[in-house]
Amino acid sequence: MRNSMLTCCFVPPPPSGDEERGPPNMEAPLKKHLFFFDFDETIVNENSDDSVVRAAPGQTLPAWLREMRREGHYTEYMGRVLTYMGEQGVREEGFRAVIEKIPASPGIMGLFQFLKANQDLFEMVLISDANSYVIETWLCAAGLRPLFHCILTNPASFNSRGYLSLQPCHSHACPRCPANMCKRKLLGEYLEQRVEERGGRPFDRLFYAGDGANDFCPSVLLGPADTAFPRHDYPMHRLVREMQQSSPAAYRANVVPWHSGDDILHYLKKLLGRKVG
């Protein structure tokens, strides 16, 4: 990935030796479709930043700390939250115990079973304003980590004191997005780089599943062959509807709102001509 993405792109480890491998020196066929997933309130059914607070003493934060939150600077605020939790003695095992219990969104595990069975068709990327530690921990516990070609998010790791330390993903000039991340910029750069790595061969279709206002911004890049999956009546869905009403030609993607991952699964099966049921 290009330098602007290096700090927030995490690629899965190579497969273990006991996994089935293809013949040596055989180039893997190019995948037809590129699927972007948000994490909070899309893959998981909670905001993971709120979830990790359950590892704090009393499962809550003091009022003085909560009052430090500023619009558009939430990652900066979460950095302070994690420092406070470290000072209160919360260490990796405490965070892990909470993260692994975050519930998946309805129907999402069934959707991933389908995508796993069709890995030859889909390259999957996770793009999230959560952080790398939370995402990697949850995906590994759920057995989903190998499905993702890349994770674009805010880097997080444990420092020498044992505190979970959070860094912003990148910088950008988008007035719509929070200071630490513009998903539209990340999606555009990722897509450009991957097409270059594929010898100039584009993906047939792009898919984007999300819920938040920061998921609307990247979805505007999708074209008429692509599909946006906004969670029904969440901020992304409301912003999509507003643009469709005010500037119908400006939002080009197909729109499939979802209540459950089953809605996305049903659409993909019909699109690919697979048996629905």
Protein backbone atom coordinates (compact mmCIF):
# COMPACT_ATOMS: atom_id res chain seq x y z
CA MET A 1 0.00 0.00 0.00
CA ARG A 2 1.08 3.58 -0.52
CA ASN A 3 2.67 5.52 2.33
CA SER A 4 -0.54 7.32 3.34
CA MET A 5 -2.12 3.93 4.01
CA LEU A 6 0.82 2.07 5.57
CA THR A 7 -0.05 3.01 9.14
CA CYS A 8 -3.61 1.71 8.94
CA CYS A 9 -3.44 -1.30 6.64
CA PHE A 10 -3.11 -4.67 8.34
CA VAL A 11 -2.73 -7.74 6.15
CA PRO A 12 -3.53 -11.23 7.48
CA PRO A 13 -0.67 -13.61 8.29
CA PRO A 14 0.18 -16.31 5.75
CA PRO A 15 -1.87 -19.52 6.06
CA SER A 16 -0.61 -22.18 8.42
CA GLY A 17 1.12 -25.20 6.95
CA ASP A 18 -1.83 -27.50 7.50
CA GLU A 19 -4.15 -25.45 5.27
CA GLU A 20 -4.76 -26.63 1.75
CA ARG A 21 -2.44 -24.95 -0.74
CA GLY A 22 -2.50 -24.83 -4.51
CA PRO A 23 0.25 -26.22 -6.72
CA PRO A 24 3.57 -24.32 -6.49
CA ASN A 25 4.21 -21.41 -8.88
CA MET A 26 0.55 -21.27 -9.87
CA GLU A 27 -0.82 -17.70 -9.87
CA ALA A 28 -4.14 -17.41 -8.04
CA PRO A 29 -7.02 -16.27 -10.26
CA LEU A 30 -8.14 -12.68 -9.79
CA LYS A 31 -11.23 -12.20 -7.66
CA LYS A 32 -14.17 -10.62 -9.41
CA HIS A 33 -15.70 -8.48 -6.66
CA LEU A 34 -14.41 -6.20 -3.91
CA PHE A 35 -16.45 -6.05 -0.71
CA PHE A 36 -15.86 -3.38 1.97
CA PHE A 37 -17.26 -3.89 5.47
CA ASP A 38 -17.53 -1.46 8.35
CA PHE A 39 -17.07 -3.00 11.81
CA ASP A 40 -19.02 -1.23 14.59
CA GLU A 41 -22.78 -1.76 14.31
CA THR A 42 -22.24 -3.58 11.02
CA ILE A 43 -20.20 -6.73 11.66
CA VAL A 44 -20.73 -6.38 15.41
CA ASN A 45 -23.98 -5.16 16.90
CA GLU A 46 -22.41 -2.58 19.23
CA ASN A 47 -20.05 0.38 19.11
CA SER A 48 -16.84 -1.35 20.22
CA ASP A 49 -15.52 1.85 21.82
CA ASP A 50 -18.49 1.71 24.18
CA SER A 51 -18.00 -2.02 24.65
CA VAL A 52 -14.39 -1.78 25.87
CA VAL A 53 -15.47 0.61 28.61
CA ARG A 54 -17.04 -2.42 30.30
CA ALA A 55 -13.47 -3.43 31.19
CA ALA A 56 -13.08 -0.23 33.28
CA PRO A 57 -13.58 -0.25 37.05
CA GLY A 58 -17.32 -0.13 37.66
CA GLN A 59 -17.83 -0.52 33.88
CA THR A 60 -18.08 3.26 33.53
CA LEU A 61 -15.96 6.38 33.04
CA PRO A 62 -15.78 9.41 35.33
CA ALA A 63 -17.79 12.47 34.30
CA TRP A 64 -14.69 14.66 33.86
CA LEU A 65 -13.37 12.24 31.24
CA ARG A 66 -16.68 11.90 29.38
CA GLU A 67 -16.85 15.71 29.16
CA MET A 68 -13.61 15.76 27.13
CA ARG A 69 -15.32 14.29 24.09
CA ARG A 70 -15.39 16.66 21.08
CA GLU A 71 -17.27 16.37 17.79
CA GLY A 72 -14.95 15.16 15.00
CA HIS A 73 -12.17 14.21 17.43
CA TYR A 74 -13.53 10.99 18.88
CA THR A 75 -10.34 8.97 18.35
CA GLU A 76 -8.37 11.55 20.28
CA TYR A 77 -10.91 11.21 23.09
CA MET A 78 -10.69 7.39 22.99
CA GLY A 79 -6.91 7.68 23.32
CA ARG A 80 -7.48 9.48 26.61
CA VAL A 81 -10.03 6.87 27.66
CA LEU A 82 -7.56 4.03 27.04
CA THR A 83 -4.82 5.86 28.94
CA TYR A 84 -7.18 6.30 31.89
CA MET A 85 -8.11 2.63 31.79
CA GLY A 86 -4.43 1.69 31.76
CA GLU A 87 -3.85 3.89 34.79
CA GLN A 88 -6.70 2.04 36.51
CA GLY A 89 -4.93 -1.27 35.95
CA VAL A 90 -6.82 -2.57 32.90
CA ARG A 91 -4.50 -4.79 30.88
CA GLU A 92 -4.79 -6.91 27.74
CA GLU A 93 -6.61 -9.83 29.37
CA GLY A 94 -9.30 -7.46 30.63
CA PHE A 95 -9.84 -5.92 27.22
CA ARG A 96 -9.80 -9.29 25.49
CA ALA A 97 -12.44 -10.77 27.79
CA VAL A 98 -14.82 -7.93 26.95
CA ILE A 99 -14.08 -7.76 23.22
CA GLU A 100 -14.62 -11.46 22.60
CA LYS A 101 -18.14 -11.17 24.06
CA ILE A 102 -19.31 -8.40 21.70
CA PRO A 103 -22.26 -9.88 19.78
CA ALA A 104 -22.30 -10.12 16.01
CA SER A 105 -25.05 -8.26 14.20
CA PRO A 106 -28.09 -10.35 13.26
CA GLY A 107 -27.47 -12.64 10.31
CA ILE A 108 -23.84 -11.58 9.84
CA MET A 109 -22.31 -14.95 10.66
CA GLY A 110 -24.50 -16.63 8.04
CA LEU A 111 -23.42 -14.02 5.50
CA PHE A 112 -19.77 -14.72 6.25
CA GLN A 113 -20.33 -18.46 5.87
CA PHE A 114 -21.57 -17.75 2.34
CA LEU A 115 -18.64 -15.43 1.58
CA LYS A 116 -16.19 -18.00 2.93
CA ALA A 117 -17.68 -20.62 0.60
CA ASN A 118 -17.22 -18.17 -2.29
CA GLN A 119 -13.77 -16.78 -1.49
CA ASP A 120 -12.81 -17.26 -5.11
CA LEU A 121 -15.21 -14.44 -6.04
CA PHE A 122 -14.76 -11.87 -3.27
CA GLU A 123 -11.83 -9.88 -2.00
CA MET A 124 -12.88 -8.54 1.40
CA VAL A 125 -11.62 -5.44 3.15
CA LEU A 126 -12.58 -4.12 6.58
CA ILE A 127 -12.62 -0.32 6.85
CA SER A 128 -13.39 1.01 10.31
CA ASP A 129 -12.90 3.93 12.69
CA ALA A 130 -12.51 1.47 15.58
CA ASN A 131 -8.96 0.19 16.10
CA SER A 132 -6.72 -2.66 15.03
CA TYR A 133 -6.52 -4.40 18.42
CA VAL A 134 -10.28 -4.58 18.94
CA ILE A 135 -10.96 -5.68 15.36
CA GLU A 136 -8.20 -8.30 15.18
CA THR A 137 -9.15 -9.72 18.59
CA TRP A 138 -12.84 -10.05 17.72
CA LEU A 139 -12.27 -11.46 14.23
CA CYS A 140 -9.79 -14.06 15.50
CA ALA A 141 -12.18 -15.17 18.24
CA ALA A 142 -14.98 -15.46 15.67
CA GLY A 143 -12.78 -17.37 13.22
CA LEU A 144 -13.20 -14.69 10.53
CA ARG A 145 -9.76 -13.09 10.34
CA PRO A 146 -8.49 -15.08 7.30
CA LEU A 147 -11.41 -13.83 5.19
CA PHE A 148 -10.08 -10.26 5.08
CA HIS A 149 -7.38 -9.25 2.65
CA CYS A 150 -6.79 -6.02 4.53
CA ILE A 151 -7.97 -4.02 7.54
CA LEU A 152 -7.97 -0.23 7.27
CA THR A 153 -8.32 1.29 10.72
CA ASN A 154 -6.63 3.21 13.54
CA PRO A 155 -3.49 1.41 14.80
CA ALA A 156 -3.59 0.27 18.43
CA SER A 157 -1.10 -1.74 20.46
CA PHE A 158 0.09 -2.20 24.03
CA ASN A 159 2.99 0.02 25.09
CA SER A 160 5.81 -0.72 27.52
CA ARG A 161 3.56 0.13 30.50
CA GLY A 162 0.92 -2.34 29.35
CA TYR A 163 -1.52 0.42 28.30
CA LEU A 164 -3.50 0.07 25.09
CA SER A 165 -2.28 2.97 22.95
CA LEU A 166 -4.28 4.37 20.02
CA GLN A 167 -3.04 6.33 16.99
CA PRO A 168 -4.99 8.10 14.23
CA CYS A 169 -5.17 6.33 10.89
CA HIS A 170 -4.15 9.21 8.62
CA SER A 171 -4.72 12.87 7.79
CA HIS A 172 -7.05 14.27 5.14
CA ALA A 173 -8.89 17.38 4.01
CA CYS A 174 -12.47 16.05 3.83
CA PRO A 175 -14.83 18.44 5.66
CA ARG A 176 -17.44 15.71 6.20
CA CYS A 177 -15.30 13.18 8.07
CA PRO A 178 -13.63 13.07 11.51
CA ALA A 179 -10.06 14.36 11.71
CA ASN A 180 -8.43 10.93 11.95
CA MET A 181 -10.13 9.14 9.04
CA CYS A 182 -11.87 9.71 5.73
CA LYS A 183 -13.10 6.36 4.49
CA ARG A 184 -13.64 7.80 1.03
CA LYS A 185 -9.94 8.63 0.76
CA LEU A 186 -8.97 5.18 2.05
CA LEU A 187 -11.33 3.38 -0.31
CA GLY A 188 -10.17 5.39 -3.31
CA GLU A 189 -6.48 4.83 -2.56
CA TYR A 190 -6.98 1.14 -1.86
CA LEU A 191 -8.93 0.58 -5.05
CA GLU A 192 -6.39 2.47 -7.15
CA GLN A 193 -3.50 0.49 -5.71
CA ARG A 194 -5.20 -2.88 -6.05
CA VAL A 195 -6.13 -2.28 -9.69
CA GLU A 196 -2.51 -1.37 -10.34
CA GLU A 197 -1.37 -4.57 -8.60
CA ARG A 198 -3.87 -6.52 -10.75
CA GLY A 199 -2.19 -5.30 -13.93
CA GLY A 200 -4.83 -2.68 -14.59
CA ARG A 201 -7.73 -5.12 -14.41
CA PRO A 202 -10.62 -3.63 -12.41
CA PHE A 203 -13.07 -5.47 -10.18
CA ASP A 204 -16.43 -6.26 -11.75
CA ARG A 205 -18.38 -4.87 -8.81
CA LEU A 206 -17.83 -3.08 -5.53
CA PHE A 207 -19.96 -3.68 -2.45
CA TYR A 208 -20.04 -1.58 0.72
CA ALA A 209 -21.84 -2.51 3.96
CA GLY A 210 -22.02 0.04 6.75
CA ASP A 211 -24.20 2.00 9.12
CA GLY A 212 -22.67 5.34 10.10
CA ALA A 213 -22.37 8.82 8.61
CA ASN A 214 -18.70 8.11 7.88
CA ASP A 215 -19.82 5.16 5.71
CA PHE A 216 -21.87 7.44 3.49
CA CYS A 217 -18.81 9.37 2.29
CA PRO A 218 -17.02 6.37 0.67
CA SER A 219 -20.25 4.99 -0.77
CA VAL A 220 -20.55 8.06 -3.01
CA LEU A 221 -17.58 6.67 -4.98
CA LEU A 222 -19.56 3.59 -6.01
CA GLY A 223 -20.85 3.37 -9.56
CA PRO A 224 -24.00 2.00 -11.25
CA ALA A 225 -22.73 -1.60 -11.20
CA ASP A 226 -21.96 -1.41 -7.49
CA THR A 227 -24.12 -1.86 -4.39
CA ALA A 228 -24.29 -0.01 -1.08
CA PHE A 229 -25.77 -1.86 1.89
CA PRO A 230 -26.73 0.78 4.51
CA ARG A 231 -28.14 -0.53 7.76
CA HIS A 232 -31.83 0.34 7.73
CA ASP A 233 -32.63 3.72 9.26
CA TYR A 234 -29.11 4.27 10.59
CA PRO A 235 -27.21 7.49 9.68
CA MET A 236 -25.72 6.10 6.45
CA HIS A 237 -29.17 5.08 5.22
CA ARG A 238 -30.68 8.47 6.07
CA LEU A 239 -27.88 10.33 4.25
CA VAL A 240 -28.26 8.11 1.18
CA ARG A 241 -31.98 8.82 1.07
CA GLU A 242 -31.38 12.55 1.43
CA MET A 243 -28.98 12.58 -1.53
CA GLN A 244 -31.29 10.42 -3.64
CA GLN A 245 -34.09 12.89 -3.01
CA SER A 246 -32.10 16.11 -3.45
CA SER A 247 -29.69 15.03 -6.23
CA PRO A 248 -30.87 11.71 -7.71
CA ALA A 249 -28.07 11.52 -10.29
CA ALA A 250 -25.33 12.15 -7.73
CA TYR A 251 -25.72 8.81 -5.93
CA ARG A 252 -25.07 6.15 -8.55
CA ALA A 253 -24.88 2.88 -6.62
CA ASN A 254 -27.69 0.40 -6.13
CA VAL A 255 -29.01 0.66 -2.58
CA VAL A 256 -30.09 -2.34 -0.52
CA PRO A 257 -30.95 -1.43 3.10
CA TRP A 258 -30.49 -4.25 5.59
CA HIS A 259 -31.98 -5.20 8.93
CA SER A 260 -30.02 -8.46 9.05
CA GLY A 261 -27.07 -9.99 7.23
CA ASP A 262 -29.70 -12.29 5.71
CA ASP A 263 -30.87 -9.36 3.57
CA ILE A 264 -27.37 -8.95 2.12
CA LEU A 265 -27.01 -12.71 1.69
CA HIS A 266 -30.31 -12.97 -0.19
CA TYR A 267 -29.29 -10.15 -2.55
CA LEU A 268 -25.87 -11.67 -3.27
CA LYS A 269 -27.34 -15.09 -4.00
CA LYS A 270 -29.82 -13.60 -6.47
CA LEU A 271 -27.11 -11.48 -8.08
CA LEU A 272 -24.76 -14.43 -8.49
CA GLY A 273 -27.48 -16.81 -9.57
CA ARG A 274 -26.99 -19.03 -6.53
CA LYS A 275 -29.84 -20.96 -4.93
CA VAL A 276 -31.74 -18.81 -2.46
CA GLY A 277 -32.87 -20.56 0.67
